[in-house]
Protein backbone atom coordinates (compact mmCIF):
# COMPACT_ATOMS: atom_id res chain seq x y z
CA MET A 1 0.00 0.00 0.00
CA VAL A 2 1.18 3.50 -0.88
CA GLY A 3 0.42 6.49 1.32
CA LEU A 4 -0.09 9.95 -0.19
CA GLU A 5 0.15 13.19 1.80
CA LEU A 6 -1.10 16.47 0.27
CA ARG A 7 -0.05 20.04 1.04
CA GLU A 8 -1.04 23.24 -0.78
CA TRP A 9 1.71 25.53 -2.09
CA LEU A 10 0.20 28.56 -0.40
CA ASP A 11 1.42 31.28 1.94
CA GLY A 12 -1.47 31.84 4.35
CA GLU A 13 -0.17 35.17 5.61
CA GLN A 14 0.14 36.44 2.04
CA MET A 15 -3.39 35.21 1.38
CA ASN A 16 -4.79 37.28 4.26
CA THR A 17 -2.84 40.32 3.04
CA ALA A 18 -3.98 39.79 -0.54
CA GLN A 19 -7.63 39.68 0.51
CA ALA A 20 -7.22 42.94 2.44
CA HIS A 21 -5.48 44.48 -0.59
CA ASP A 22 -8.34 43.32 -2.84
CA ARG A 23 -10.85 45.16 -0.68
CA GLN A 24 -8.74 48.31 -0.78
CA ARG A 25 -8.22 48.05 -4.54
CA GLU A 26 -11.96 47.55 -5.11
CA HIS A 27 -12.73 50.62 -3.02
CA LEU A 28 -10.33 52.80 -5.02
CA ALA A 29 -11.66 51.38 -8.28
CA GLU A 30 -15.16 52.42 -7.21
CA ILE A 31 -14.01 55.94 -6.30
CA PHE A 32 -12.21 56.51 -9.62
CA GLY A 33 -14.27 54.26 -11.85
CA ALA A 34 -17.89 55.33 -11.37
CA GLY A 35 -18.82 57.33 -14.48
CA TRP A 36 -15.24 57.40 -15.75
CA GLU A 37 -16.49 57.73 -19.35
CA GLN A 38 -17.83 61.21 -18.55
CA GLU A 39 -14.53 62.39 -17.08
CA TYR A 40 -11.46 63.70 -18.93
CA GLN A 41 -10.07 61.11 -21.37
CA PRO A 42 -6.28 61.20 -21.87
CA THR A 43 -4.93 61.21 -25.42
CA ASN A 44 -1.16 60.89 -24.81
CA PHE A 45 -0.99 57.97 -22.41
CA ALA A 46 -2.86 54.68 -22.44
CA LEU A 47 -2.62 53.58 -18.82
CA ALA A 48 -2.31 55.09 -15.34
CA SER A 49 -1.28 52.49 -12.74
CA VAL A 50 -2.16 53.64 -9.24
CA GLU A 51 -0.12 52.37 -6.26
CA PRO A 52 -2.07 52.85 -3.00
CA LEU A 53 -0.63 53.26 0.46
CA TRP A 54 -1.60 49.78 1.61
CA GLY A 55 -3.57 49.48 4.81
CA LEU A 56 -4.98 53.00 4.58
CA ARG A 57 -8.61 52.95 3.53
CA VAL A 58 -10.03 56.15 2.07
CA ALA A 59 -12.35 57.86 4.54
CA MET A 60 -15.84 58.55 3.17
CA LYS A 61 -15.42 62.29 3.62
CA ASP A 62 -12.24 62.19 1.46
CA GLU A 63 -13.71 60.22 -1.44
CA PRO A 64 -14.99 63.24 -3.46
CA SER A 65 -11.74 65.20 -3.11
CA LEU A 66 -9.60 62.17 -3.99
CA ARG A 67 -11.59 61.57 -7.16
CA ARG A 68 -11.49 65.26 -8.14
CA GLU A 69 -7.74 65.55 -7.53
CA PHE A 70 -7.06 62.34 -9.46
CA TYR A 71 -8.80 63.57 -12.62
CA GLU A 72 -7.30 67.05 -12.26
CA ARG A 73 -3.83 65.51 -12.03
CA VAL A 74 -4.53 63.20 -14.98
CA THR A 75 -5.59 66.20 -17.07
CA ALA A 76 -2.42 68.12 -16.19
CA VAL A 77 -0.16 65.14 -16.92
CA ASP A 78 -1.80 64.41 -20.25
CA GLN A 79 -1.74 68.01 -21.47
CA THR A 80 1.98 68.41 -20.64
CA TRP A 81 3.00 64.90 -21.71
CA LEU A 82 5.09 65.88 -24.72
CA THR A 83 7.11 68.51 -22.84
CA ASN A 84 7.39 66.89 -19.40
CA PRO A 85 11.13 66.58 -18.55
CA GLU A 86 10.44 63.81 -16.00
CA ARG A 87 9.07 61.46 -18.66
CA THR A 88 11.36 58.64 -19.78
CA ASP A 89 10.42 57.42 -23.26
CA ARG A 90 6.88 56.06 -22.78
CA CYS A 91 6.85 56.13 -18.99
CA LEU A 92 6.26 58.76 -16.31
CA TYR A 93 6.50 57.73 -12.67
CA GLN A 94 5.34 60.20 -10.01
CA MET A 95 5.51 59.85 -6.23
CA GLU A 96 5.02 63.50 -5.31
CA PHE A 97 1.58 65.12 -5.52
CA THR A 98 2.25 68.72 -4.59
CA GLY A 99 -0.99 70.66 -4.64
CA TYR A 100 -3.05 67.47 -4.37
CA PRO A 101 -3.19 66.77 -0.61
CA THR A 102 -5.73 63.93 -0.73
CA MET A 103 -3.70 62.03 -3.32
CA GLN A 104 -0.60 62.59 -1.21
CA LYS A 105 -2.48 61.17 1.78
CA TYR A 106 -3.71 57.93 0.17
CA LEU A 107 -1.49 57.14 -2.84
CA ARG A 108 2.12 56.03 -2.96
CA ALA A 109 2.66 56.67 -6.67
CA VAL A 110 1.10 56.74 -10.13
CA ARG A 111 2.87 55.31 -13.18
CA TYR A 112 1.73 56.56 -16.60
CA THR A 113 2.42 54.54 -19.73
CA GLY A 114 2.32 56.36 -23.06
CA GLY A 115 0.23 55.28 -26.02
CA PRO A 116 -2.88 56.17 -28.02
CA PRO A 117 -6.35 55.88 -26.43
CA HIS A 118 -7.93 52.43 -26.75
CA GLY A 119 -11.50 53.09 -25.65
CA PHE A 120 -11.31 50.91 -22.52
CA ILE A 121 -10.86 52.05 -18.94
CA TRP A 122 -7.38 53.59 -18.84
CA PHE A 123 -6.40 53.18 -15.18
CA GLN A 124 -5.82 50.28 -12.82
CA ILE A 125 -5.07 49.80 -9.14
CA GLU A 126 -1.79 47.92 -8.79
CA GLU A 127 -1.33 44.91 -6.55
CA GLY A 128 1.91 46.17 -5.01
CA ALA A 129 5.59 45.28 -5.06
CA TYR A 130 6.75 41.76 -4.28
CA SER A 131 9.83 39.59 -4.04
CA PRO A 132 9.82 36.61 -6.47
CA THR A 133 11.83 34.59 -3.95
CA ALA A 134 8.71 34.50 -1.76
CA SER A 135 7.37 31.70 -3.97
CA VAL A 136 10.50 29.64 -3.27
CA GLN A 137 10.22 30.28 0.45
CA SER A 138 6.57 29.25 0.58
CA LEU A 139 7.40 25.96 -1.18
CA GLU A 140 10.28 25.28 1.21
CA GLU A 141 8.00 26.04 4.16
CA ALA A 142 5.39 23.60 2.83
CA LEU A 143 8.03 20.86 2.63
CA ASP A 144 9.40 21.68 6.06
CA ASP A 145 5.92 21.67 7.57
CA LYS A 146 5.23 18.10 6.46
CA LEU A 147 8.69 16.82 7.37
CA LEU A 148 8.46 18.21 10.88
CA LYS A 149 4.92 16.89 11.32
CA PHE A 150 5.75 13.31 10.34
CA ASP A 151 8.91 13.32 12.43
CA ARG A 152 6.85 13.55 15.62
CA PRO A 153 6.73 10.25 17.55
CA GLU A 154 2.93 10.02 17.41
CA TRP A 155 2.96 10.35 13.62
CA ARG A 156 5.81 7.87 13.17
CA THR A 157 3.78 5.39 15.27
CA ARG A 158 0.65 6.05 13.24
CA LEU A 159 2.50 5.50 9.94
CA ALA A 160 4.11 2.28 11.20
CA LYS A 161 0.64 0.80 11.85
CA HIS A 162 -0.28 1.15 8.18
CA ASN A 163 2.73 -0.87 6.94
CA LEU A 164 3.11 1.37 3.91
CA ALA A 165 5.25 0.10 1.07
CA GLU A 166 5.99 3.71 0.09
CA HIS A 167 5.04 7.14 1.39
CA TYR A 168 4.60 10.04 -1.07
CA LEU A 169 4.22 13.78 -0.63
CA LEU A 170 2.51 16.02 -3.21
CA ILE A 171 2.81 19.80 -2.94
CA HIS A 172 0.19 21.37 -5.21
CA GLY A 173 -0.60 24.88 -6.37
CA GLY A 174 -3.64 26.28 -8.15
CA TRP A 175 -6.13 29.14 -8.15
CA ASN A 176 -5.53 30.14 -4.51
CA VAL A 177 -1.82 30.61 -5.19
CA TYR A 178 -2.44 32.47 -8.45
CA LYS A 179 -4.97 34.84 -6.88
CA ASN A 180 -3.62 35.36 -3.35
CA ASN A 181 0.17 34.87 -3.40
CA THR A 182 2.89 36.95 -5.01
CA PRO A 183 3.68 35.95 -8.61
CA HIS A 184 6.69 33.68 -9.06
CA HIS A 185 7.95 35.48 -12.17
CA PRO A 186 10.66 36.09 -13.30
CA LEU A 187 11.57 32.75 -11.70
CA THR A 188 10.39 29.76 -13.71
CA LEU A 189 8.71 26.75 -12.16
CA GLU A 190 11.83 24.78 -13.06
CA GLN A 191 14.00 27.18 -11.05
CA ILE A 192 11.64 27.05 -8.09
CA ALA A 193 11.59 23.23 -8.23
CA ALA A 194 15.40 23.11 -8.34
CA ARG A 195 15.66 25.29 -5.24
CA ALA A 196 13.08 23.14 -3.44
CA ALA A 197 14.86 19.92 -4.45
CA ASP A 198 18.13 21.25 -3.00
CA PHE A 199 16.32 22.23 0.20
CA TYR A 200 14.72 18.81 0.54
CA ALA A 201 17.93 16.91 -0.19
CA THR A 202 19.68 18.56 2.77
CA HIS A 203 16.78 18.25 5.22
CA PRO A 204 17.52 15.93 8.18
CA ASN A 205 14.08 14.27 7.85
CA ARG A 206 14.23 13.73 4.08
CA ASP A 207 13.85 9.92 4.37
CA LEU A 208 10.31 10.24 5.73
CA PHE A 209 8.98 10.33 2.17
CA ASP A 210 10.02 7.99 -0.63
CA ARG A 211 8.94 10.40 -3.36
CA VAL A 212 8.07 14.08 -3.34
CA TRP A 213 6.19 15.80 -6.15
CA PHE A 214 5.51 19.44 -7.00
CA PHE A 215 2.38 20.06 -9.09
CA ASP A 216 1.03 23.39 -10.38
CA SER A 217 -2.37 23.58 -12.05
CA LEU A 218 -4.47 26.44 -13.39
CA ASP A 219 -7.51 26.30 -15.66
CA SER A 220 -7.89 28.76 -18.51
CA ALA A 221 -10.52 31.50 -18.56
CA ASP A 222 -11.95 30.67 -21.98
CA ASP A 223 -14.70 33.30 -21.80
CA ILE A 224 -12.00 35.98 -21.52
CA ASN A 225 -9.86 34.21 -24.14
CA GLU A 226 -12.74 34.41 -26.61
CA LEU A 227 -13.34 38.07 -25.78
CA VAL A 228 -9.72 39.10 -26.50
CA GLY A 229 -9.22 36.72 -29.43
CA LEU A 230 -7.06 34.05 -27.78
CA PRO A 231 -7.59 30.33 -28.46
CA ALA A 232 -9.42 28.15 -25.97
CA GLY A 233 -7.05 26.74 -23.38
CA ALA A 234 -4.64 29.70 -23.47
CA GLY A 235 -3.22 30.26 -20.00
CA GLN A 236 -3.89 26.74 -18.78
CA VAL A 237 -1.15 25.28 -16.58
CA ARG A 238 -0.48 21.58 -15.96
CA TRP A 239 3.06 21.24 -14.62
CA LEU A 240 4.63 18.43 -12.59
CA ALA A 241 8.12 17.75 -11.24
CA GLU A 242 9.58 15.13 -8.94
CA LEU A 243 11.69 16.77 -6.22
CA TRP A 244 12.88 13.64 -4.42
CA PRO A 245 14.76 11.30 -4.63
CA SER A 246 15.95 13.12 -7.75
CA LEU A 247 14.84 16.22 -9.63
CA LYS A 248 12.83 15.28 -12.71
CA VAL A 249 10.55 17.69 -14.57
CA GLN A 250 7.66 15.67 -15.97
CA ALA A 251 5.64 18.35 -17.78
């Protein structure tokens, strides 16, 4: 008989933070987005990426002034785009909002990206900065969690009663990781797996599992694919690697 232990490749603390950030991003999107078609439409830049001051929710009394200042600033930036000395090629990054006190209070920065108007909403609320090594750390922590758990005497006794021929561990990622954890790019899944394999190979409890697998899975959003002209299945992920006893990428 073969035993299989499962563990999600997920950083719970990041997940809680991501959910709080989502609520803050949605609030800002409501403040700026309601009736955006009737507001000033930029002609020299295609996107304004807003970076909030995370953890600081906009007070209800400040919502009207924040919206007004945002569109006033957008108008000024767009009308001086061609002569602005701070602009670098197609990008203008601003962290100072002199004369716009409510923006200064709630926003960290706004990054403008040049280009012709496209007819869609031209601003977004960014998700925030991240370290790509966080994805490696969360995978190592998932491995360590299971190795420490099964090294406890009560768990060793419980396993012995089952007389397992082999004991496997599968670390799996999916929608929760994609939505609530920091992106792993620019690291590839192969690079993350290699780091995790090295970590596992030097762990003092590595012999608790006969084989360890790392699986990442994500379904495609075919309704969106059809809308933007991509083929069905675009964006789907089915990726598997063996981490122990040797590193082998299967897909």
